[in-house]
Amino acid sequence: MMHFTDITGLAGVALGMVTLALRLRFLARLQLQLKIGMVGGLLILAVIPFGSLSAAEFVRGISGDLSVTSLI
């Protein structure tokens, strides 16, 4: 079972990855409904494990947990 700190750490990294992806120019031009769908899709892709690690776990392993200040 995952601890609460693991869940919040992975959620913070996944949200950071989605935020950076939405800052790309071609995604910034999308309509609001498409952006909402893109956020949901990217969050799901960030937490689905491919092999033994998900993308969020891989980034968290390299960079560590993001602080609350960096997430805000």
N, C-alpha and C. Protein backbone atom coordinates (compact mmCIF):
# COMPACT_ATOMS: atom_id res chain seq x y z
N MET A 1 0.83 -1.18 0.00
CA MET A 1 0.00 0.00 0.00
C MET A 1 0.88 1.25 0.00
N MET A 2 0.50 2.22 -0.80
CA MET A 2 1.28 3.45 -0.90
C MET A 2 0.98 4.36 0.29
N HIS A 3 2.00 5.03 0.77
CA HIS A 3 1.83 6.00 1.84
C HIS A 3 1.30 7.31 1.26
N PHE A 4 0.71 8.12 2.14
CA PHE A 4 0.14 9.39 1.72
C PHE A 4 1.20 10.30 1.12
N THR A 5 2.41 10.27 1.65
CA THR A 5 3.47 11.12 1.11
C THR A 5 3.86 10.70 -0.30
N ASP A 6 3.79 9.40 -0.60
CA ASP A 6 4.07 8.94 -1.96
C ASP A 6 2.99 9.42 -2.93
N ILE A 7 1.74 9.36 -2.49
CA ILE A 7 0.63 9.78 -3.35
C ILE A 7 0.72 11.27 -3.64
N THR A 8 0.97 12.08 -2.62
CA THR A 8 1.06 13.53 -2.84
C THR A 8 2.30 13.89 -3.65
N GLY A 9 3.40 13.18 -3.45
CA GLY A 9 4.60 13.43 -4.25
C GLY A 9 4.39 13.13 -5.71
N LEU A 10 3.76 11.98 -6.00
CA LEU A 10 3.49 11.62 -7.39
C LEU A 10 2.46 12.54 -8.03
N ALA A 11 1.45 12.95 -7.25
CA ALA A 11 0.45 13.87 -7.79
C ALA A 11 1.08 15.22 -8.11
N GLY A 12 1.97 15.70 -7.26
CA GLY A 12 2.65 16.97 -7.52
C GLY A 12 3.52 16.91 -8.76
N VAL A 13 4.24 15.82 -8.93
CA VAL A 13 5.10 15.68 -10.12
C VAL A 13 4.24 15.55 -11.37
N ALA A 14 3.14 14.79 -11.30
CA ALA A 14 2.26 14.63 -12.46
C ALA A 14 1.63 15.97 -12.84
N LEU A 15 1.18 16.74 -11.86
CA LEU A 15 0.60 18.05 -12.17
C LEU A 15 1.65 19.00 -12.73
N GLY A 16 2.87 18.92 -12.23
CA GLY A 16 3.95 19.74 -12.79
C GLY A 16 4.24 19.38 -14.24
N MET A 17 4.23 18.08 -14.55
CA MET A 17 4.46 17.65 -15.93
C MET A 17 3.35 18.14 -16.85
N VAL A 18 2.10 18.06 -16.40
CA VAL A 18 0.97 18.51 -17.20
C VAL A 18 1.03 20.02 -17.40
N THR A 19 1.40 20.75 -16.36
CA THR A 19 1.51 22.21 -16.47
C THR A 19 2.57 22.60 -17.49
N LEU A 20 3.70 21.93 -17.45
CA LEU A 20 4.75 22.23 -18.43
C LEU A 20 4.32 21.88 -19.83
N ALA A 21 3.59 20.77 -19.99
CA ALA A 21 3.12 20.38 -21.32
C ALA A 21 2.11 21.38 -21.86
N LEU A 22 1.24 21.91 -21.01
CA LEU A 22 0.24 22.87 -21.47
C LEU A 22 0.84 24.23 -21.80
N ARG A 23 2.06 24.47 -21.39
CA ARG A 23 2.72 25.74 -21.72
C ARG A 23 3.31 25.72 -23.14
N LEU A 24 3.31 24.58 -23.81
CA LEU A 24 3.80 24.51 -25.18
C LEU A 24 2.90 25.34 -26.09
N ARG A 25 3.48 25.96 -27.09
CA ARG A 25 2.74 26.89 -27.93
C ARG A 25 1.55 26.27 -28.64
N PHE A 26 1.71 25.08 -29.21
CA PHE A 26 0.60 24.51 -29.97
C PHE A 26 -0.52 24.02 -29.06
N LEU A 27 -0.23 23.73 -27.80
CA LEU A 27 -1.28 23.35 -26.87
C LEU A 27 -1.94 24.57 -26.24
N ALA A 28 -1.23 25.69 -26.17
CA ALA A 28 -1.80 26.90 -25.59
C ALA A 28 -2.88 27.50 -26.48
N ARG A 29 -2.87 27.17 -27.75
CA ARG A 29 -3.84 27.72 -28.69
C ARG A 29 -5.15 26.95 -28.74
N LEU A 30 -5.24 25.85 -28.03
CA LEU A 30 -6.45 25.02 -28.07
C LEU A 30 -7.60 25.68 -27.35
N GLN A 31 -8.83 25.25 -27.70
CA GLN A 31 -10.02 25.74 -27.01
C GLN A 31 -10.08 25.13 -25.61
N LEU A 32 -10.93 25.70 -24.76
CA LEU A 32 -11.00 25.31 -23.36
C LEU A 32 -11.39 23.84 -23.19
N GLN A 33 -12.37 23.36 -23.96
CA GLN A 33 -12.79 21.96 -23.83
C GLN A 33 -11.66 21.01 -24.20
N LEU A 34 -10.90 21.35 -25.21
CA LEU A 34 -9.77 20.51 -25.60
C LEU A 34 -8.67 20.54 -24.56
N LYS A 35 -8.45 21.69 -23.93
CA LYS A 35 -7.44 21.78 -22.87
C LYS A 35 -7.83 20.92 -21.67
N ILE A 36 -9.12 20.94 -21.31
CA ILE A 36 -9.59 20.12 -20.19
C ILE A 36 -9.40 18.64 -20.50
N GLY A 37 -9.74 18.24 -21.71
CA GLY A 37 -9.52 16.85 -22.12
C GLY A 37 -8.05 16.49 -22.16
N MET A 38 -7.22 17.43 -22.58
CA MET A 38 -5.79 17.20 -22.62
C MET A 38 -5.21 17.04 -21.22
N VAL A 39 -5.68 17.84 -20.27
CA VAL A 39 -5.22 17.72 -18.88
C VAL A 39 -5.56 16.35 -18.34
N GLY A 40 -6.80 15.91 -18.54
CA GLY A 40 -7.19 14.58 -18.06
C GLY A 40 -6.39 13.47 -18.71
N GLY A 41 -6.20 13.55 -20.00
CA GLY A 41 -5.43 12.54 -20.71
C GLY A 41 -3.97 12.50 -20.28
N LEU A 42 -3.37 13.66 -20.12
CA LEU A 42 -1.97 13.71 -19.71
C LEU A 42 -1.78 13.23 -18.28
N LEU A 43 -2.74 13.53 -17.39
CA LEU A 43 -2.65 13.03 -16.02
C LEU A 43 -2.73 11.51 -15.99
N ILE A 44 -3.63 10.96 -16.78
CA ILE A 44 -3.75 9.50 -16.83
C ILE A 44 -2.47 8.88 -17.39
N LEU A 45 -1.93 9.47 -18.45
CA LEU A 45 -0.69 8.93 -19.03
C LEU A 45 0.50 9.08 -18.08
N ALA A 46 0.48 10.10 -17.23
CA ALA A 46 1.60 10.31 -16.31
C ALA A 46 1.62 9.29 -15.19
N VAL A 47 0.46 8.74 -14.82
CA VAL A 47 0.42 7.82 -13.68
C VAL A 47 0.28 6.35 -14.07
N ILE A 48 0.02 6.05 -15.35
CA ILE A 48 -0.05 4.65 -15.78
C ILE A 48 1.37 4.10 -15.90
N PRO A 49 1.63 2.98 -15.23
CA PRO A 49 2.99 2.43 -15.31
C PRO A 49 3.27 1.78 -16.67
N PHE A 50 4.41 2.10 -17.22
CA PHE A 50 4.91 1.48 -18.44
C PHE A 50 6.13 0.66 -18.03
N GLY A 51 5.98 -0.65 -18.00
CA GLY A 51 7.03 -1.48 -17.45
C GLY A 51 6.90 -1.49 -15.95
N SER A 52 7.89 -1.01 -15.25
CA SER A 52 7.83 -1.02 -13.79
C SER A 52 7.58 0.36 -13.19
N LEU A 53 7.77 1.43 -13.97
CA LEU A 53 7.59 2.79 -13.45
C LEU A 53 6.68 3.60 -14.36
N SER A 54 5.92 4.50 -13.75
CA SER A 54 5.16 5.46 -14.53
C SER A 54 6.06 6.65 -14.85
N ALA A 55 5.58 7.52 -15.71
CA ALA A 55 6.37 8.71 -16.06
C ALA A 55 6.56 9.60 -14.84
N ALA A 56 5.53 9.71 -14.00
CA ALA A 56 5.64 10.54 -12.80
C ALA A 56 6.65 9.94 -11.81
N GLU A 57 6.67 8.62 -11.67
CA GLU A 57 7.64 7.98 -10.78
C GLU A 57 9.06 8.14 -11.30
N PHE A 58 9.22 8.09 -12.62
CA PHE A 58 10.54 8.26 -13.21
C PHE A 58 11.06 9.68 -12.95
N VAL A 59 10.22 10.68 -13.20
CA VAL A 59 10.64 12.06 -12.97
C VAL A 59 10.86 12.31 -11.48
N ARG A 60 10.01 11.74 -10.63
CA ARG A 60 10.18 11.89 -9.18
C ARG A 60 11.48 11.25 -8.72
N GLY A 61 11.86 10.12 -9.32
CA GLY A 61 13.11 9.47 -8.96
C GLY A 61 14.33 10.30 -9.34
N ILE A 62 14.24 11.04 -10.43
CA ILE A 62 15.35 11.87 -10.87
C ILE A 62 15.41 13.18 -10.09
N SER A 63 14.26 13.84 -9.94
CA SER A 63 14.25 15.18 -9.35
C SER A 63 13.87 15.21 -7.89
N GLY A 64 13.22 14.18 -7.37
CA GLY A 64 12.73 14.21 -6.00
C GLY A 64 11.36 14.87 -5.95
N ASP A 65 10.84 15.01 -4.74
CA ASP A 65 9.53 15.65 -4.58
C ASP A 65 9.64 17.14 -4.82
N LEU A 66 8.61 17.69 -5.44
CA LEU A 66 8.56 19.14 -5.65
C LEU A 66 8.02 19.79 -4.39
N SER A 67 8.54 20.95 -4.07
CA SER A 67 8.06 21.66 -2.89
C SER A 67 6.72 22.32 -3.18
N VAL A 68 6.01 22.69 -2.13
CA VAL A 68 4.71 23.36 -2.29
C VAL A 68 4.91 24.69 -3.01
N THR A 69 5.98 25.37 -2.72
CA THR A 69 6.25 26.66 -3.36
C THR A 69 6.47 26.51 -4.85
N SER A 70 7.19 25.48 -5.27
CA SER A 70 7.42 25.29 -6.70
C SER A 70 6.15 24.83 -7.41
N LEU A 71 5.25 24.15 -6.72
CA LEU A 71 3.98 23.75 -7.34
C LEU A 71 3.02 24.92 -7.49
N ILE A 72 3.11 25.88 -6.59
CA ILE A 72 2.22 27.05 -6.67
C ILE A 72 2.74 27.96 -7.77
